[in-house]
Amino acid sequence: MTRQNPKDRQASILDAALRMSRNYGYQNVTRADIASAAGCSEALVSSYFGTMVQVRRAVVRAAIKQRDLAIIAQAIAANDPHVKRASVDLCNDAIRTLKR
């Protein structure tokens, strides 16, 4: 395996975390799940993102930036404090996806 640029590796780990969170719930995903999906070690996930609390914070922030309504809705349901950075309109859109 070719060594990736650190910024690219961090982005690929975050992409894997987002994908796993979307599919299995951001509170259910483990460091091992993310590492497996990203093709790296759990230690590398920790190196880039720290604790699982910090991983989840990064996931929620990325979800807000990408307007990922599924993850934002999960964060709202979990009363995640980081989802408060999302606009009211974005939160309302996410909540509406739950009602479908």
PDB file of N, CA and C in Angstrom:
ATOM      1  N   MET A   1       0.842  -1.191   0.000  1.00  0.00           N
ATOM      2  CA  MET A   1       0.000   0.000   0.000  1.00  0.00           C
ATOM      3  C   MET A   1       0.880   1.243   0.000  1.00  0.00           C
ATOM      4  N   THR A   2       0.530   2.202  -0.816  1.00  0.00           N
ATOM      5  CA  THR A   2       1.283   3.437  -0.933  1.00  0.00           C
ATOM      6  C   THR A   2       0.907   4.373   0.207  1.00  0.00           C
ATOM      7  N   ARG A   3       1.918   5.021   0.745  1.00  0.00           N
ATOM      8  CA  ARG A   3       1.679   5.980   1.823  1.00  0.00           C
ATOM      9  C   ARG A   3       0.975   7.205   1.256  1.00  0.00           C
ATOM     10  N   GLN A   4      -0.119   7.590   1.902  1.00  0.00           N
ATOM     11  CA  GLN A   4      -0.881   8.757   1.449  1.00  0.00           C
ATOM     12  C   GLN A   4      -0.367  10.021   2.110  1.00  0.00           C
ATOM     13  N   ASN A   5      -0.603  11.110   1.439  1.00  0.00           N
ATOM     14  CA  ASN A   5      -0.372  12.409   2.023  1.00  0.00           C
ATOM     15  C   ASN A   5      -1.229  12.489   3.290  1.00  0.00           C
ATOM     16  N   PRO A   6      -0.704  13.027   4.394  1.00  0.00           N
ATOM     17  CA  PRO A   6      -1.482  13.064   5.643  1.00  0.00           C
ATOM     18  C   PRO A   6      -2.867  13.709   5.519  1.00  0.00           C
ATOM     19  N   LYS A   7      -2.981  14.786   4.763  1.00  0.00           N
ATOM     20  CA  LYS A   7      -4.303  15.419   4.606  1.00  0.00           C
ATOM     21  C   LYS A   7      -5.255  14.517   3.833  1.00  0.00           C
ATOM     22  N   ASP A   8      -4.728  13.825   2.821  1.00  0.00           N
ATOM     23  CA  ASP A   8      -5.556  12.886   2.059  1.00  0.00           C
ATOM     24  C   ASP A   8      -5.975  11.714   2.933  1.00  0.00           C
ATOM     25  N   ARG A   9      -5.062  11.212   3.758  1.00  0.00           N
ATOM     26  CA  ARG A   9      -5.372  10.090   4.644  1.00  0.00           C
ATOM     27  C   ARG A   9      -6.434  10.502   5.650  1.00  0.00           C
ATOM     28  N   GLN A  10      -6.294  11.685   6.221  1.00  0.00           N
ATOM     29  CA  GLN A  10      -7.288  12.167   7.182  1.00  0.00           C
ATOM     30  C   GLN A  10      -8.653  12.290   6.516  1.00  0.00           C
ATOM     31  N   ALA A  11      -8.674  12.795   5.285  1.00  0.00           N
ATOM     32  CA  ALA A  11      -9.937  12.934   4.556  1.00  0.00           C
ATOM     33  C   ALA A  11     -10.539  11.568   4.263  1.00  0.00           C
ATOM     34  N   SER A  12      -9.725  10.593   3.924  1.00  0.00           N
ATOM     35  CA  SER A  12     -10.266   9.260   3.629  1.00  0.00           C
ATOM     36  C   SER A  12     -10.813   8.597   4.891  1.00  0.00           C
ATOM     37  N   ILE A  13     -10.174   8.839   6.022  1.00  0.00           N
ATOM     38  CA  ILE A  13     -10.680   8.303   7.291  1.00  0.00           C
ATOM     39  C   ILE A  13     -12.013   8.965   7.634  1.00  0.00           C
ATOM     40  N   LEU A  14     -12.096  10.276   7.464  1.00  0.00           N
ATOM     41  CA  LEU A  14     -13.349  10.983   7.746  1.00  0.00           C
ATOM     42  C   LEU A  14     -14.450  10.530   6.795  1.00  0.00           C
ATOM     43  N   ASP A  15     -14.123  10.335   5.527  1.00  0.00           N
ATOM     44  CA  ASP A  15     -15.113   9.826   4.569  1.00  0.00           C
ATOM     45  C   ASP A  15     -15.628   8.454   4.994  1.00  0.00           C
ATOM     46  N   ALA A  16     -14.729   7.602   5.459  1.00  0.00           N
ATOM     47  CA  ALA A  16     -15.133   6.274   5.932  1.00  0.00           C
ATOM     48  C   ALA A  16     -16.034   6.409   7.162  1.00  0.00           C
ATOM     49  N   ALA A  17     -15.686   7.315   8.058  1.00  0.00           N
ATOM     50  CA  ALA A  17     -16.496   7.529   9.260  1.00  0.00           C
ATOM     51  C   ALA A  17     -17.885   8.033   8.892  1.00  0.00           C
ATOM     52  N   LEU A  18     -17.961   8.921   7.926  1.00  0.00           N
ATOM     53  CA  LEU A  18     -19.260   9.419   7.471  1.00  0.00           C
ATOM     54  C   LEU A  18     -20.089   8.301   6.851  1.00  0.00           C
ATOM     55  N   ARG A  19     -19.462   7.511   6.005  1.00  0.00           N
ATOM     56  CA  ARG A  19     -20.161   6.406   5.337  1.00  0.00           C
ATOM     57  C   ARG A  19     -20.672   5.394   6.371  1.00  0.00           C
ATOM     58  N   MET A  20     -19.826   5.030   7.316  1.00  0.00           N
ATOM     59  CA  MET A  20     -20.226   4.074   8.353  1.00  0.00           C
ATOM     60  C   MET A  20     -21.331   4.669   9.232  1.00  0.00           C
ATOM     61  N   SER A  21     -21.213   5.946   9.555  1.00  0.00           N
ATOM     62  CA  SER A  21     -22.222   6.607  10.392  1.00  0.00           C
ATOM     63  C   SER A  21     -23.566   6.655   9.702  1.00  0.00           C
ATOM     64  N   ARG A  22     -23.552   6.946   8.422  1.00  0.00           N
ATOM     65  CA  ARG A  22     -24.788   6.998   7.638  1.00  0.00           C
ATOM     66  C   ARG A  22     -25.471   5.631   7.633  1.00  0.00           C
ATOM     67  N   ASN A  23     -24.683   4.587   7.493  1.00  0.00           N
ATOM     68  CA  ASN A  23     -25.235   3.235   7.370  1.00  0.00           C
ATOM     69  C   ASN A  23     -25.606   2.583   8.693  1.00  0.00           C
ATOM     70  N   TYR A  24     -24.846   2.874   9.745  1.00  0.00           N
ATOM     71  CA  TYR A  24     -25.028   2.142  11.008  1.00  0.00           C
ATOM     72  C   TYR A  24     -25.351   3.020  12.206  1.00  0.00           C
ATOM     73  N   GLY A  25     -25.369   4.319  12.006  1.00  0.00           N
ATOM     74  CA  GLY A  25     -25.637   5.228  13.116  1.00  0.00           C
ATOM     75  C   GLY A  25     -24.336   5.741  13.690  1.00  0.00           C
ATOM     76  N   TYR A  26     -24.202   7.051  13.781  1.00  0.00           N
ATOM     77  CA  TYR A  26     -22.916   7.613  14.183  1.00  0.00           C
ATOM     78  C   TYR A  26     -22.543   7.268  15.623  1.00  0.00           C
ATOM     79  N   GLN A  27     -23.510   6.960  16.449  1.00  0.00           N
ATOM     80  CA  GLN A  27     -23.192   6.573  17.827  1.00  0.00           C
ATOM     81  C   GLN A  27     -22.828   5.089  17.945  1.00  0.00           C
ATOM     82  N   ASN A  28     -23.127   4.315  16.920  1.00  0.00           N
ATOM     83  CA  ASN A  28     -22.847   2.878  16.951  1.00  0.00           C
ATOM     84  C   ASN A  28     -21.500   2.508  16.334  1.00  0.00           C
ATOM     85  N   VAL A  29     -20.946   3.397  15.552  1.00  0.00           N
ATOM     86  CA  VAL A  29     -19.710   3.107  14.833  1.00  0.00           C
ATOM     87  C   VAL A  29     -18.532   3.120  15.799  1.00  0.00           C
ATOM     88  N   THR A  30     -17.651   2.157  15.618  1.00  0.00           N
ATOM     89  CA  THR A  30     -16.460   2.065  16.469  1.00  0.00           C
ATOM     90  C   THR A  30     -15.216   2.472  15.690  1.00  0.00           C
ATOM     91  N   ARG A  31     -14.165   2.685  16.429  1.00  0.00           N
ATOM     92  CA  ARG A  31     -12.880   2.994  15.814  1.00  0.00           C
ATOM     93  C   ARG A  31     -12.460   1.869  14.876  1.00  0.00           C
ATOM     94  N   ALA A  32     -12.721   0.633  15.299  1.00  0.00           N
ATOM     95  CA  ALA A  32     -12.386  -0.531  14.467  1.00  0.00           C
ATOM     96  C   ALA A  32     -13.182  -0.530  13.170  1.00  0.00           C
ATOM     97  N   ASP A  33     -14.459  -0.170  13.237  1.00  0.00           N
ATOM     98  CA  ASP A  33     -15.296  -0.082  12.029  1.00  0.00           C
ATOM     99  C   ASP A  33     -14.716   0.933  11.049  1.00  0.00           C
ATOM    100  N   ILE A  34     -14.361   2.091  11.577  1.00  0.00           N
ATOM    101  CA  ILE A  34     -13.843   3.164  10.728  1.00  0.00           C
ATOM    102  C   ILE A  34     -12.509   2.755  10.111  1.00  0.00           C
ATOM    103  N   ALA A  35     -11.643   2.187  10.935  1.00  0.00           N
ATOM    104  CA  ALA A  35     -10.331   1.756  10.442  1.00  0.00           C
ATOM    105  C   ALA A  35     -10.475   0.716   9.340  1.00  0.00           C
ATOM    106  N   SER A  36     -11.366  -0.225   9.536  1.00  0.00           N
ATOM    107  CA  SER A  36     -11.582  -1.263   8.533  1.00  0.00           C
ATOM    108  C   SER A  36     -12.095  -0.656   7.226  1.00  0.00           C
ATOM    109  N   ALA A  37     -13.050   0.245   7.328  1.00  0.00           N
ATOM    110  CA  ALA A  37     -13.622   0.878   6.134  1.00  0.00           C
ATOM    111  C   ALA A  37     -12.606   1.771   5.421  1.00  0.00           C
ATOM    112  N   ALA A  38     -11.693   2.370   6.191  1.00  0.00           N
ATOM    113  CA  ALA A  38     -10.701   3.275   5.611  1.00  0.00           C
ATOM    114  C   ALA A  38      -9.438   2.545   5.170  1.00  0.00           C
ATOM    115  N   GLY A  39      -9.325   1.261   5.548  1.00  0.00           N
ATOM    116  CA  GLY A  39      -8.133   0.504   5.183  1.00  0.00           C
ATOM    117  C   GLY A  39      -6.896   0.946   5.937  1.00  0.00           C
ATOM    118  N   CYS A  40      -7.083   1.251   7.218  1.00  0.00           N
ATOM    119  CA  CYS A  40      -5.950   1.686   8.042  1.00  0.00           C
ATOM    120  C   CYS A  40      -6.073   1.060   9.426  1.00  0.00           C
ATOM    121  N   SER A  41      -5.163   1.380  10.294  1.00  0.00           N
ATOM    122  CA  SER A  41      -5.203   0.848  11.653  1.00  0.00           C
ATOM    123  C   SER A  41      -6.062   1.727  12.564  1.00  0.00           C
ATOM    124  N   GLU A  42      -6.504   1.126  13.657  1.00  0.00           N
ATOM    125  CA  GLU A  42      -7.253   1.898  14.654  1.00  0.00           C
ATOM    126  C   GLU A  42      -6.374   2.999  15.230  1.00  0.00           C
ATOM    127  N   ALA A  43      -5.080   2.708  15.377  1.00  0.00           N
ATOM    128  CA  ALA A  43      -4.144   3.699  15.912  1.00  0.00           C
ATOM    129  C   ALA A  43      -4.077   4.931  15.015  1.00  0.00           C
ATOM    130  N   LEU A  44      -4.178   4.721  13.710  1.00  0.00           N
ATOM    131  CA  LEU A  44      -4.139   5.856  12.793  1.00  0.00           C
ATOM    132  C   LEU A  44      -5.408   6.707  12.920  1.00  0.00           C
ATOM    133  N   VAL A  45      -6.539   6.060  13.117  1.00  0.00           N
ATOM    134  CA  VAL A  45      -7.781   6.802  13.358  1.00  0.00           C
ATOM    135  C   VAL A  45      -7.610   7.665  14.609  1.00  0.00           C
ATOM    136  N   SER A  46      -7.068   7.061  15.666  1.00  0.00           N
ATOM    137  CA  SER A  46      -6.837   7.800  16.913  1.00  0.00           C
ATOM    138  C   SER A  46      -5.825   8.919  16.718  1.00  0.00           C
ATOM    139  N   SER A  47      -4.805   8.651  15.924  1.00  0.00           N
ATOM    140  CA  SER A  47      -3.768   9.653  15.681  1.00  0.00           C
ATOM    141  C   SER A  47      -4.348  10.907  15.031  1.00  0.00           C
ATOM    142  N   TYR A  48      -5.252  10.713  14.091  1.00  0.00           N
ATOM    143  CA  TYR A  48      -5.839  11.853  13.390  1.00  0.00           C
ATOM    144  C   TYR A  48      -6.997  12.494  14.142  1.00  0.00           C
ATOM    145  N   PHE A  49      -7.798  11.694  14.841  1.00  0.00           N
ATOM    146  CA  PHE A  49      -9.030  12.229  15.418  1.00  0.00           C
ATOM    147  C   PHE A  49      -9.137  12.122  16.930  1.00  0.00           C
ATOM    148  N   GLY A  50      -8.241  11.397  17.580  1.00  0.00           N
ATOM    149  CA  GLY A  50      -8.278  11.301  19.033  1.00  0.00           C
ATOM    150  C   GLY A  50      -9.332  10.321  19.522  1.00  0.00           C
ATOM    151  N   THR A  51     -10.085  10.745  20.504  1.00  0.00           N
ATOM    152  CA  THR A  51     -11.094   9.888  21.128  1.00  0.00           C
ATOM    153  C   THR A  51     -12.311   9.738  20.226  1.00  0.00           C
ATOM    154  N   MET A  52     -13.177   8.803  20.564  1.00  0.00           N
ATOM    155  CA  MET A  52     -14.412   8.640  19.786  1.00  0.00           C
ATOM    156  C   MET A  52     -15.314   9.857  19.917  1.00  0.00           C
ATOM    157  N   VAL A  53     -15.248  10.557  21.013  1.00  0.00           N
ATOM    158  CA  VAL A  53     -16.005  11.810  21.151  1.00  0.00           C
ATOM    159  C   VAL A  53     -15.515  12.802  20.099  1.00  0.00           C
ATOM    160  N   GLN A  54     -14.211  12.865  19.901  1.00  0.00           N
ATOM    161  CA  GLN A  54     -13.650  13.772  18.906  1.00  0.00           C
ATOM    162  C   GLN A  54     -13.959  13.299  17.487  1.00  0.00           C
ATOM    163  N   VAL A  55     -14.000  11.982  17.287  1.00  0.00           N
ATOM    164  CA  VAL A  55     -14.382  11.434  15.978  1.00  0.00           C
ATOM    165  C   VAL A  55     -15.807  11.848  15.664  1.00  0.00           C
ATOM    166  N   ARG A  56     -16.703  11.659  16.629  1.00  0.00           N
ATOM    167  CA  ARG A  56     -18.106  12.009  16.414  1.00  0.00           C
ATOM    168  C   ARG A  56     -18.274  13.506  16.148  1.00  0.00           C
ATOM    169  N   ARG A  57     -17.507  14.316  16.856  1.00  0.00           N
ATOM    170  CA  ARG A  57     -17.562  15.762  16.622  1.00  0.00           C
ATOM    171  C   ARG A  57     -17.159  16.065  15.176  1.00  0.00           C
ATOM    172  N   ALA A  58     -16.085  15.439  14.711  1.00  0.00           N
ATOM    173  CA  ALA A  58     -15.636  15.647  13.327  1.00  0.00           C
ATOM    174  C   ALA A  58     -16.687  15.166  12.335  1.00  0.00           C
ATOM    175  N   VAL A  59     -17.347  14.049  12.648  1.00  0.00           N
ATOM    176  CA  VAL A  59     -18.398  13.517  11.771  1.00  0.00           C
ATOM    177  C   VAL A  59     -19.565  14.491  11.693  1.00  0.00           C
ATOM    178  N   VAL A  60     -20.002  15.002  12.818  1.00  0.00           N
ATOM    179  CA  VAL A  60     -21.138  15.935  12.828  1.00  0.00           C
ATOM    180  C   VAL A  60     -20.770  17.218  12.089  1.00  0.00           C
ATOM    181  N   ARG A  61     -19.582  17.727  12.327  1.00  0.00           N
ATOM    182  CA  ARG A  61     -19.169  18.952  11.629  1.00  0.00           C
ATOM    183  C   ARG A  61     -19.106  18.735  10.120  1.00  0.00           C
ATOM    184  N   ALA A  62     -18.565  17.595   9.714  1.00  0.00           N
ATOM    185  CA  ALA A  62     -18.499  17.287   8.274  1.00  0.00           C
ATOM    186  C   ALA A  62     -19.901  17.102   7.702  1.00  0.00           C
ATOM    187  N   ALA A  63     -20.778  16.468   8.468  1.00  0.00           N
ATOM    188  CA  ALA A  63     -22.160  16.266   8.006  1.00  0.00           C
ATOM    189  C   ALA A  63     -22.858  17.606   7.800  1.00  0.00           C
ATOM    190  N   ILE A  64     -22.625  18.535   8.687  1.00  0.00           N
ATOM    191  CA  ILE A  64     -23.212  19.870   8.535  1.00  0.00           C
ATOM    192  C   ILE A  64     -22.659  20.539   7.279  1.00  0.00           C
ATOM    193  N   LYS A  65     -21.363  20.462   7.104  1.00  0.00           N
ATOM    194  CA  LYS A  65     -20.723  21.080   5.941  1.00  0.00           C
ATOM    195  C   LYS A  65     -21.243  20.466   4.640  1.00  0.00           C
ATOM    196  N   GLN A  66     -21.455  19.143   4.643  1.00  0.00           N
ATOM    197  CA  GLN A  66     -21.910  18.436   3.446  1.00  0.00           C
ATOM    198  C   GLN A  66     -23.434  18.362   3.333  1.00  0.00           C
ATOM    199  N   ARG A  67     -24.117  18.906   4.335  1.00  0.00           N
ATOM    200  CA  ARG A  67     -25.584  18.863   4.384  1.00  0.00           C
ATOM    201  C   ARG A  67     -26.099  17.427   4.351  1.00  0.00           C
ATOM    202  N   ASP A  68     -25.461  16.561   5.134  1.00  0.00           N
ATOM    203  CA  ASP A  68     -25.846  15.145   5.223  1.00  0.00           C
ATOM    204  C   ASP A  68     -26.978  15.022   6.244  1.00  0.00           C
ATOM    205  N   LEU A  69     -28.207  15.043   5.741  1.00  0.00           N
ATOM    206  CA  LEU A  69     -29.383  15.101   6.606  1.00  0.00           C
ATOM    207  C   LEU A  69     -29.520  13.875   7.497  1.00  0.00           C
ATOM    208  N   ALA A  70     -29.116  12.713   7.014  1.00  0.00           N
ATOM    209  CA  ALA A  70     -29.243  11.486   7.814  1.00  0.00           C
ATOM    210  C   ALA A  70     -28.400  11.583   9.090  1.00  0.00           C
ATOM    211  N   ILE A  71     -27.172  12.020   8.957  1.00  0.00           N
ATOM    212  CA  ILE A  71     -26.300  12.122  10.134  1.00  0.00           C
ATOM    213  C   ILE A  71     -26.737  13.280  11.021  1.00  0.00           C
ATOM    214  N   ILE A  72     -27.139  14.382  10.428  1.00  0.00           N
ATOM    215  CA  ILE A  72     -27.608  15.521  11.225  1.00  0.00           C
ATOM    216  C   ILE A  72     -28.830  15.113  12.036  1.00  0.00           C
ATOM    217  N   ALA A  73     -29.742  14.369  11.437  1.00  0.00           N
ATOM    218  CA  ALA A  73     -30.929  13.900  12.165  1.00  0.00           C
ATOM    219  C   ALA A  73     -30.527  13.009  13.335  1.00  0.00           C
ATOM    220  N   GLN A  74     -29.548  12.146  13.126  1.00  0.00           N
ATOM    221  CA  GLN A  74     -29.061  11.283  14.215  1.00  0.00           C
ATOM    222  C   GLN A  74     -28.477  12.126  15.341  1.00  0.00           C
ATOM    223  N   ALA A  75     -27.721  13.147  14.974  1.00  0.00           N
ATOM    224  CA  ALA A  75     -27.105  14.013  15.980  1.00  0.00           C
ATOM    225  C   ALA A  75     -28.158  14.785  16.767  1.00  0.00           C
ATOM    226  N   ILE A  76     -29.200  15.224  16.080  1.00  0.00           N
ATOM    227  CA  ILE A  76     -30.296  15.921  16.774  1.00  0.00           C
ATOM    228  C   ILE A  76     -30.968  14.970  17.751  1.00  0.00           C
ATOM    229  N   ALA A  77     -31.258  13.748  17.287  1.00  0.00           N
ATOM    230  CA  ALA A  77     -31.923  12.762  18.149  1.00  0.00           C
ATOM    231  C   ALA A  77     -31.061  12.415  19.365  1.00  0.00           C
ATOM    232  N   ALA A  78     -29.746  12.444  19.191  1.00  0.00           N
ATOM    233  CA  ALA A  78     -28.830  12.119  20.291  1.00  0.00           C
ATOM    234  C   ALA A  78     -28.503  13.343  21.144  1.00  0.00           C
ATOM    235  N   ASN A  79     -29.097  14.488  20.791  1.00  0.00           N
ATOM    236  CA  ASN A  79     -28.840  15.742  21.501  1.00  0.00           C
ATOM    237  C   ASN A  79     -27.347  16.081  21.515  1.00  0.00           C
ATOM    238  N   ASP A  80     -26.696  15.831  20.406  1.00  0.00           N
ATOM    239  CA  ASP A  80     -25.269  16.116  20.261  1.00  0.00           C
ATOM    240  C   ASP A  80     -25.067  17.632  20.276  1.00  0.00           C
ATOM    241  N   PRO A  81     -24.217  18.139  21.141  1.00  0.00           N
ATOM    242  CA  PRO A  81     -24.044  19.595  21.241  1.00  0.00           C
ATOM    243  C   PRO A  81     -23.451  20.228  19.976  1.00  0.00           C
ATOM    244  N   HIS A  82     -22.747  19.456  19.177  1.00  0.00           N
ATOM    245  CA  HIS A  82     -22.107  20.015  17.992  1.00  0.00           C
ATOM    246  C   HIS A  82     -23.078  20.293  16.855  1.00  0.00           C
ATOM    247  N   VAL A  83     -24.262  19.669  16.917  1.00  0.00           N
ATOM    248  CA  VAL A  83     -25.251  19.907  15.866  1.00  0.00           C
ATOM    249  C   VAL A  83     -25.851  21.312  15.997  1.00  0.00           C
ATOM    250  N   LYS A  84     -25.628  21.943  17.121  1.00  0.00           N
ATOM    251  CA  LYS A  84     -26.145  23.302  17.318  1.00  0.00           C
ATOM    252  C   LYS A  84     -25.496  24.307  16.380  1.00  0.00           C
ATOM    253  N   ARG A  85     -24.388  23.908  15.737  1.00  0.00           N
ATOM    254  CA  ARG A  85     -23.732  24.787  14.766  1.00  0.00           C
ATOM    255  C   ARG A  85     -24.486  24.809  13.430  1.00  0.00           C
ATOM    256  N   ALA A  86     -25.390  23.864  13.260  1.00  0.00           N
ATOM    257  CA  ALA A  86     -26.165  23.800  12.016  1.00  0.00           C
ATOM    258  C   ALA A  86     -27.256  24.872  12.046  1.00  0.00           C
ATOM    259  N   SER A  87     -27.612  25.336  10.880  1.00  0.00           N
ATOM    260  CA  SER A  87     -28.672  26.336  10.804  1.00  0.00           C
ATOM    261  C   SER A  87     -30.011  25.690  11.173  1.00  0.00           C
ATOM    262  N   VAL A  88     -30.945  26.520  11.562  1.00  0.00           N
ATOM    263  CA  VAL A  88     -32.289  26.047  11.901  1.00  0.00           C
ATOM    264  C   VAL A  88     -32.916  25.365  10.690  1.00  0.00           C
ATOM    265  N   ASP A  89     -32.736  25.946   9.515  1.00  0.00           N
ATOM    266  CA  ASP A  89     -33.310  25.359   8.300  1.00  0.00           C
ATOM    267  C   ASP A  89     -32.729  23.978   8.024  1.00  0.00           C
ATOM    268  N   LEU A  90     -31.427  23.830   8.199  1.00  0.00           N
ATOM    269  CA  LEU A  90     -30.792  22.532   7.977  1.00  0.00           C
ATOM    270  C   LEU A  90     -31.302  21.506   8.983  1.00  0.00           C
ATOM    271  N   CYS A  91     -31.439  21.902  10.224  1.00  0.00           N
ATOM    272  CA  CYS A  91     -31.977  20.997  11.253  1.00  0.00           C
ATOM    273  C   CYS A  91     -33.420  20.612  10.929  1.00  0.00           C
ATOM    274  N   ASN A  92     -34.215  21.561  10.503  1.00  0.00           N
ATOM    275  CA  ASN A  92     -35.600  21.260  10.146  1.00  0.00           C
ATOM    276  C   ASN A  92     -35.672  20.292   8.970  1.00  0.00           C
ATOM    277  N   ASP A  93     -34.799  20.487   7.984  1.00  0.00           N
ATOM    278  CA  ASP A  93     -34.744  19.563   6.843  1.00  0.00           C
ATOM    279  C   ASP A  93     -34.382  18.156   7.313  1.00  0.00           C
ATOM    280  N   ALA A  94     -33.432  18.075   8.225  1.00  0.00           N
ATOM    281  CA  ALA A  94     -33.006  16.768   8.751  1.00  0.00           C
ATOM    282  C   ALA A  94     -34.148  16.099   9.522  1.00  0.00           C
ATOM    283  N   ILE A  95     -34.855  16.860  10.311  1.00  0.00           N
ATOM    284  CA  ILE A  95     -35.972  16.313  11.097  1.00  0.00           C
ATOM    285  C   ILE A  95     -37.081  15.812  10.160  1.00  0.00           C
ATOM    286  N   ARG A  96     -37.317  16.544   9.092  1.00  0.00           N
ATOM    287  CA  ARG A  96     -38.341  16.116   8.140  1.00  0.00           C
ATOM    288  C   ARG A  96     -38.000  14.754   7.515  1.00  0.00           C
ATOM    289  N   THR A  97     -36.733  14.452   7.364  1.00  0.00           N
ATOM    290  CA  THR A  97     -36.361  13.140   6.785  1.00  0.00           C
ATOM    291  C   THR A  97     -36.766  12.014   7.727  1.00  0.00           C
ATOM    292  N   LEU A  98     -36.854  12.296   9.000  1.00  0.00           N
ATOM    293  CA  LEU A  98     -37.246  11.283   9.972  1.00  0.00           C
ATOM    294  C   LEU A  98     -38.748  10.988   9.902  1.00  0.00           C
ATOM    295  N   LYS A  99     -39.501  11.950   9.448  1.00  0.00           N
ATOM    296  CA  LYS A  99     -40.965  11.807   9.411  1.00  0.00           C
ATOM    297  C   LYS A  99     -41.464  11.079   8.178  1.00  0.00           C
ATOM    298  N   ARG A 100     -40.587  10.826   7.227  1.00  0.00           N
ATOM    299  CA  ARG A 100     -40.999  10.157   5.978  1.00  0.00           C
ATOM    300  C   ARG A 100     -41.196   8.697   6.182  1.00  0.00           C
TER     301      ARG A 100
END
